[in-house]
Each structure stands twice: as C-alpha cells, then as structure tokens.
Amino acid sequence: MTEDEVYLRRALELAEQAAYAGDVPIGAVLVSGGIVLEAKNEKESRRDATAHAEMLLLREAAQRLGTWRLSDATLYVTKEPCLMCAGAMIAARVKRLVYGARDPKGGADGGAFDVLRSPLTNHRLEVTPGVLETEAAAQLQEFFRHKRAGVKKG
C-alpha cells in the first residue's frame, strides 16, 4: 500500500464518521512537516456552509503550524474539492492534493470547473486524482442512496 493510499484510507474512515453524524461523507488528512491533522465534513453539525473537511483542516493547520502558508503540505481528501476549497488551497499555497472520487457536478479539478490547473491562478498544486476512487465514489453513492430512501446512517 502506498503512502497516498494509507492517508486516503484514513480519510475514508473520517468520511464514514461524517456520514454517521448526518453530514456528507467527506474526510480529509493534511500532512506537513511530520504533523498529521484530520477533519471530516461538519456542515450539518456546525450549521456552517463553510465547514467542509478541507476548510477545517486548512484553518487548523494554520493555527498549529503558525503560518497560513502550507507550502510543504499534502492534503488528502475523499472527493474532488469544490470551488471554495480549491480556492482556499491555492490561497494557502498547499503543495500537493491527493483525492479519491471525482465530482462532475461541483469539482474544481476538471469536474465542473478547472480552477486547480488554471494558468490564471497565482499558485498551482501538484494534483493526484483517483486514489482509491472506487471506494470513495461508492461511499458517497451509498450515503445519497440512503438519504433518498430516508434511511439515517447513525
């Protein structure tokens, strides 16, 4: 198992925790200078539209590392980031992004938009898409299938 798969598997576990709490199952892990931080979606529990796993991690990393510049950080997330999260990663100068499932309806790495690879931005991340993509996509599909059927996870 590669290092990317190890961290993505942990992100999938965090995503499962989010699902049990009633949030869309997205989990994320940030690795920087030997520090490992974790977060899961908390939009519903916090009643905050910006409480995406990625946003929570970027805030925590800035506090813990004492800088908003995360130029040696790798962020692992179970789903292709949205516009907000992609913009925040660019602003934070994240070095590398690794994600699982693509998001054709709202993703910002070529899904619905192509912000992360745009030559117009002032920073470009190294992007590795599709790591454990099958598992990540299945987790999201199961969550929304249950949601449509009115089945609560936890």
C-alpha atoms as a PDB file:
ATOM      1  CA  MET A   1       0.000   0.000   0.000  1.00  0.00           C
ATOM      2  CA  THR A   2       1.378   3.417  -0.951  1.00  0.00           C
ATOM      3  CA  GLU A   3       1.594   6.368   1.426  1.00  0.00           C
ATOM      4  CA  ASP A   4      -1.175   8.064  -0.584  1.00  0.00           C
ATOM      5  CA  GLU A   5      -3.430   5.045  -0.052  1.00  0.00           C
ATOM      6  CA  VAL A   6      -2.701   4.936   3.680  1.00  0.00           C
ATOM      7  CA  TYR A   7      -3.775   8.556   4.178  1.00  0.00           C
ATOM      8  CA  LEU A   8      -6.743   8.229   1.796  1.00  0.00           C
ATOM      9  CA  ARG A   9      -7.939   5.169   3.734  1.00  0.00           C
ATOM     10  CA  ARG A  10      -7.844   7.223   6.921  1.00  0.00           C
ATOM     11  CA  ALA A  11      -9.774   9.976   5.138  1.00  0.00           C
ATOM     12  CA  LEU A  12     -12.397   7.378   4.153  1.00  0.00           C
ATOM     13  CA  GLU A  13     -12.734   6.384   7.829  1.00  0.00           C
ATOM     14  CA  LEU A  14     -13.245  10.036   8.753  1.00  0.00           C
ATOM     15  CA  ALA A  15     -15.814  10.353   5.966  1.00  0.00           C
ATOM     16  CA  GLU A  16     -17.721   7.433   7.471  1.00  0.00           C
ATOM     17  CA  GLN A  17     -17.789   9.294  10.788  1.00  0.00           C
ATOM     18  CA  ALA A  18     -19.228  12.326   8.995  1.00  0.00           C
ATOM     19  CA  ALA A  19     -21.960  10.151   7.486  1.00  0.00           C
ATOM     20  CA  TYR A  20     -22.917   8.807  10.921  1.00  0.00           C
ATOM     21  CA  ALA A  21     -23.202  12.412  12.111  1.00  0.00           C
ATOM     22  CA  GLY A  22     -25.542  13.218   9.204  1.00  0.00           C
ATOM     23  CA  ASP A  23     -23.002  15.041   7.050  1.00  0.00           C
ATOM     24  CA  VAL A  24     -21.964  14.216   3.508  1.00  0.00           C
ATOM     25  CA  PRO A  25     -19.181  11.641   3.909  1.00  0.00           C
ATOM     26  CA  ILE A  26     -16.051  13.573   3.105  1.00  0.00           C
ATOM     27  CA  GLY A  27     -12.907  13.148   5.142  1.00  0.00           C
ATOM     28  CA  ALA A  28      -9.508  14.753   4.846  1.00  0.00           C
ATOM     29  CA  VAL A  29      -5.996  14.396   6.209  1.00  0.00           C
ATOM     30  CA  LEU A  30      -3.256  17.019   5.993  1.00  0.00           C
ATOM     31  CA  VAL A  31       0.396  16.065   6.349  1.00  0.00           C
ATOM     32  CA  SER A  32       3.021  18.757   6.861  1.00  0.00           C
ATOM     33  CA  GLY A  33       6.458  18.536   8.416  1.00  0.00           C
ATOM     34  CA  GLY A  34       5.707  15.383  10.364  1.00  0.00           C
ATOM     35  CA  ILE A  35       2.387  16.717  11.659  1.00  0.00           C
ATOM     36  CA  VAL A  36      -0.772  14.856  10.653  1.00  0.00           C
ATOM     37  CA  LEU A  37      -4.137  16.601  11.044  1.00  0.00           C
ATOM     38  CA  GLU A  38      -7.584  15.168  10.350  1.00  0.00           C
ATOM     39  CA  ALA A  39     -11.057  16.524   9.691  1.00  0.00           C
ATOM     40  CA  LYS A  40     -14.427  15.483   8.348  1.00  0.00           C
ATOM     41  CA  ASN A  41     -17.340  17.418   6.924  1.00  0.00           C
ATOM     42  CA  GLU A  42     -19.229  19.200   9.694  1.00  0.00           C
ATOM     43  CA  LYS A  43     -21.630  21.421   7.758  1.00  0.00           C
ATOM     44  CA  GLU A  44     -24.716  19.963   9.419  1.00  0.00           C
ATOM     45  CA  SER A  45     -23.359  19.658  12.948  1.00  0.00           C
ATOM     46  CA  ARG A  46     -21.887  23.180  12.920  1.00  0.00           C
ATOM     47  CA  ARG A  47     -24.678  24.639  10.787  1.00  0.00           C
ATOM     48  CA  ASP A  48     -21.936  26.283   8.738  1.00  0.00           C
ATOM     49  CA  ALA A  49     -21.788  26.111   4.946  1.00  0.00           C
ATOM     50  CA  THR A  50     -18.007  26.551   5.052  1.00  0.00           C
ATOM     51  CA  ALA A  51     -17.359  23.627   7.422  1.00  0.00           C
ATOM     52  CA  HIS A  52     -16.032  21.375   4.677  1.00  0.00           C
ATOM     53  CA  ALA A  53     -13.330  18.935   5.788  1.00  0.00           C
ATOM     54  CA  GLU A  54     -10.708  20.760   3.719  1.00  0.00           C
ATOM     55  CA  MET A  55     -11.579  24.186   5.137  1.00  0.00           C
ATOM     56  CA  LEU A  56     -11.489  22.897   8.702  1.00  0.00           C
ATOM     57  CA  LEU A  57      -8.067  21.361   8.058  1.00  0.00           C
ATOM     58  CA  LEU A  58      -6.606  24.482   6.488  1.00  0.00           C
ATOM     59  CA  ARG A  59      -7.727  26.567   9.474  1.00  0.00           C
ATOM     60  CA  GLU A  60      -6.356  24.064  11.992  1.00  0.00           C
ATOM     61  CA  ALA A  61      -3.070  23.706  10.097  1.00  0.00           C
ATOM     62  CA  ALA A  62      -2.535  27.476  10.061  1.00  0.00           C
ATOM     63  CA  GLN A  63      -3.121  27.621  13.809  1.00  0.00           C
ATOM     64  CA  ARG A  64      -0.994  24.582  14.666  1.00  0.00           C
ATOM     65  CA  LEU A  65       1.877  25.449  12.308  1.00  0.00           C
ATOM     66  CA  GLY A  66       1.757  29.176  12.981  1.00  0.00           C
ATOM     67  CA  THR A  67       1.504  30.152   9.326  1.00  0.00           C
ATOM     68  CA  TRP A  68      -1.113  30.295   6.618  1.00  0.00           C
ATOM     69  CA  ARG A  69       1.489  29.259   4.028  1.00  0.00           C
ATOM     70  CA  LEU A  70       1.272  25.479   3.778  1.00  0.00           C
ATOM     71  CA  SER A  71       3.867  25.139   1.030  1.00  0.00           C
ATOM     72  CA  ASP A  72       5.131  21.746   2.208  1.00  0.00           C
ATOM     73  CA  ALA A  73       1.695  20.274   2.999  1.00  0.00           C
ATOM     74  CA  THR A  74      -0.074  17.427   1.265  1.00  0.00           C
ATOM     75  CA  LEU A  75      -3.842  17.348   1.619  1.00  0.00           C
ATOM     76  CA  TYR A  76      -5.666  14.045   1.155  1.00  0.00           C
ATOM     77  CA  VAL A  77      -9.432  14.204   0.624  1.00  0.00           C
ATOM     78  CA  THR A  78     -12.010  11.615  -0.383  1.00  0.00           C
ATOM     79  CA  LYS A  79     -13.690  13.756  -3.064  1.00  0.00           C
ATOM     80  CA  GLU A  80     -12.565  16.277  -5.651  1.00  0.00           C
ATOM     81  CA  PRO A  81     -12.618  19.669  -3.901  1.00  0.00           C
ATOM     82  CA  CYS A  82     -15.304  22.252  -4.605  1.00  0.00           C
ATOM     83  CA  LEU A  83     -14.560  25.811  -5.762  1.00  0.00           C
ATOM     84  CA  MET A  84     -14.377  27.172  -2.214  1.00  0.00           C
ATOM     85  CA  CYS A  85     -11.964  24.509  -1.009  1.00  0.00           C
ATOM     86  CA  ALA A  86      -9.842  24.649  -4.169  1.00  0.00           C
ATOM     87  CA  GLY A  87      -9.576  28.417  -3.821  1.00  0.00           C
ATOM     88  CA  ALA A  88      -8.562  28.090  -0.188  1.00  0.00           C
ATOM     89  CA  MET A  89      -5.890  25.506  -1.100  1.00  0.00           C
ATOM     90  CA  ILE A  90      -4.487  27.879  -3.698  1.00  0.00           C
ATOM     91  CA  ALA A  91      -4.538  30.782  -1.217  1.00  0.00           C
ATOM     92  CA  ALA A  92      -2.802  28.621   1.410  1.00  0.00           C
ATOM     93  CA  ARG A  93      -0.154  27.550  -1.120  1.00  0.00           C
ATOM     94  CA  VAL A  94      -0.755  23.843  -0.442  1.00  0.00           C
ATOM     95  CA  LYS A  95       1.982  21.864  -2.180  1.00  0.00           C
ATOM     96  CA  ARG A  96       0.045  18.748  -3.132  1.00  0.00           C
ATOM     97  CA  LEU A  97      -3.515  17.470  -3.273  1.00  0.00           C
ATOM     98  CA  VAL A  98      -4.474  13.791  -3.434  1.00  0.00           C
ATOM     99  CA  TYR A  99      -8.147  12.889  -3.795  1.00  0.00           C
ATOM    100  CA  GLY A 100     -10.387   9.903  -4.428  1.00  0.00           C
ATOM    101  CA  ALA A 101     -13.706  10.392  -6.215  1.00  0.00           C
ATOM    102  CA  ARG A 102     -14.286  12.885  -8.985  1.00  0.00           C
ATOM    103  CA  ASP A 103     -17.177  15.341  -8.689  1.00  0.00           C
ATOM    104  CA  PRO A 104     -18.635  16.168 -12.115  1.00  0.00           C
ATOM    105  CA  LYS A 105     -21.292  18.455 -10.580  1.00  0.00           C
ATOM    106  CA  GLY A 106     -19.139  20.609  -8.327  1.00  0.00           C
ATOM    107  CA  GLY A 107     -15.483  19.627  -8.510  1.00  0.00           C
ATOM    108  CA  ALA A 108     -12.834  22.237  -9.200  1.00  0.00           C
ATOM    109  CA  ASP A 109     -10.176  19.948 -10.713  1.00  0.00           C
ATOM    110  CA  GLY A 110     -11.878  19.448 -14.035  1.00  0.00           C
ATOM    111  CA  GLY A 111     -15.175  18.083 -12.683  1.00  0.00           C
ATOM    112  CA  ALA A 112     -17.413  21.120 -13.136  1.00  0.00           C
ATOM    113  CA  PHE A 113     -14.607  23.698 -13.081  1.00  0.00           C
ATOM    114  CA  ASP A 114     -10.855  23.640 -13.622  1.00  0.00           C
ATOM    115  CA  VAL A 115      -9.555  26.057 -11.020  1.00  0.00           C
ATOM    116  CA  LEU A 116      -6.681  23.961  -9.697  1.00  0.00           C
ATOM    117  CA  ARG A 117      -4.998  23.736 -13.087  1.00  0.00           C
ATOM    118  CA  SER A 118      -5.846  27.214 -14.310  1.00  0.00           C
ATOM    119  CA  PRO A 119      -2.884  29.250 -15.581  1.00  0.00           C
ATOM    120  CA  LEU A 120      -4.665  32.322 -14.198  1.00  0.00           C
ATOM    121  CA  THR A 121      -4.105  31.439 -10.530  1.00  0.00           C
ATOM    122  CA  ASN A 122      -1.045  32.594  -8.599  1.00  0.00           C
ATOM    123  CA  HIS A 123      -0.231  29.092  -7.294  1.00  0.00           C
ATOM    124  CA  ARG A 124      -0.528  25.614  -8.718  1.00  0.00           C
ATOM    125  CA  LEU A 125      -0.738  22.464  -6.654  1.00  0.00           C
ATOM    126  CA  GLU A 126       0.568  19.084  -7.633  1.00  0.00           C
ATOM    127  CA  VAL A 127      -2.640  17.061  -8.043  1.00  0.00           C
ATOM    128  CA  THR A 128      -3.003  13.279  -7.868  1.00  0.00           C
ATOM    129  CA  PRO A 129      -6.632  12.346  -8.603  1.00  0.00           C
ATOM    130  CA  GLY A 130      -8.351   8.977  -8.426  1.00  0.00           C
ATOM    131  CA  VAL A 131      -6.558   7.359  -5.472  1.00  0.00           C
ATOM    132  CA  LEU A 132      -8.977   4.735  -4.082  1.00  0.00           C
ATOM    133  CA  GLU A 133     -11.547   6.282  -6.404  1.00  0.00           C
ATOM    134  CA  THR A 134     -13.838   3.234  -6.459  1.00  0.00           C
ATOM    135  CA  GLU A 135     -14.138   3.096  -2.662  1.00  0.00           C
ATOM    136  CA  ALA A 136     -14.559   6.860  -2.325  1.00  0.00           C
ATOM    137  CA  ALA A 137     -17.247   7.027  -5.004  1.00  0.00           C
ATOM    138  CA  ALA A 138     -19.089   4.013  -3.537  1.00  0.00           C
ATOM    139  CA  GLN A 139     -19.119   5.637  -0.098  1.00  0.00           C
ATOM    140  CA  LEU A 140     -20.728   8.794  -1.487  1.00  0.00           C
ATOM    141  CA  GLN A 141     -23.198   6.853  -3.624  1.00  0.00           C
ATOM    142  CA  GLU A 142     -24.286   4.727  -0.652  1.00  0.00           C
ATOM    143  CA  PHE A 143     -24.807   7.829   1.505  1.00  0.00           C
ATOM    144  CA  PHE A 144     -27.002   9.542  -1.081  1.00  0.00           C
ATOM    145  CA  ARG A 145     -28.894   6.321  -1.871  1.00  0.00           C
ATOM    146  CA  HIS A 146     -29.778   6.009   1.829  1.00  0.00           C
ATOM    147  CA  LYS A 147     -30.585   9.701   2.064  1.00  0.00           C
ATOM    148  CA  ARG A 148     -33.006   9.475  -0.866  1.00  0.00           C
ATOM    149  CA  ALA A 149     -34.610   6.390   0.730  1.00  0.00           C
ATOM    150  CA  GLY A 150     -34.922   8.209   4.068  1.00  0.00           C
ATOM    151  CA  VAL A 151     -32.525   5.868   5.884  1.00  0.00           C
ATOM    152  CA  LYS A 152     -30.399   7.584   8.535  1.00  0.00           C
ATOM    153  CA  LYS A 153     -26.843   6.244   8.939  1.00  0.00           C
ATOM    154  CA  GLY A 154     -26.295   6.598  12.667  1.00  0.00           C
END
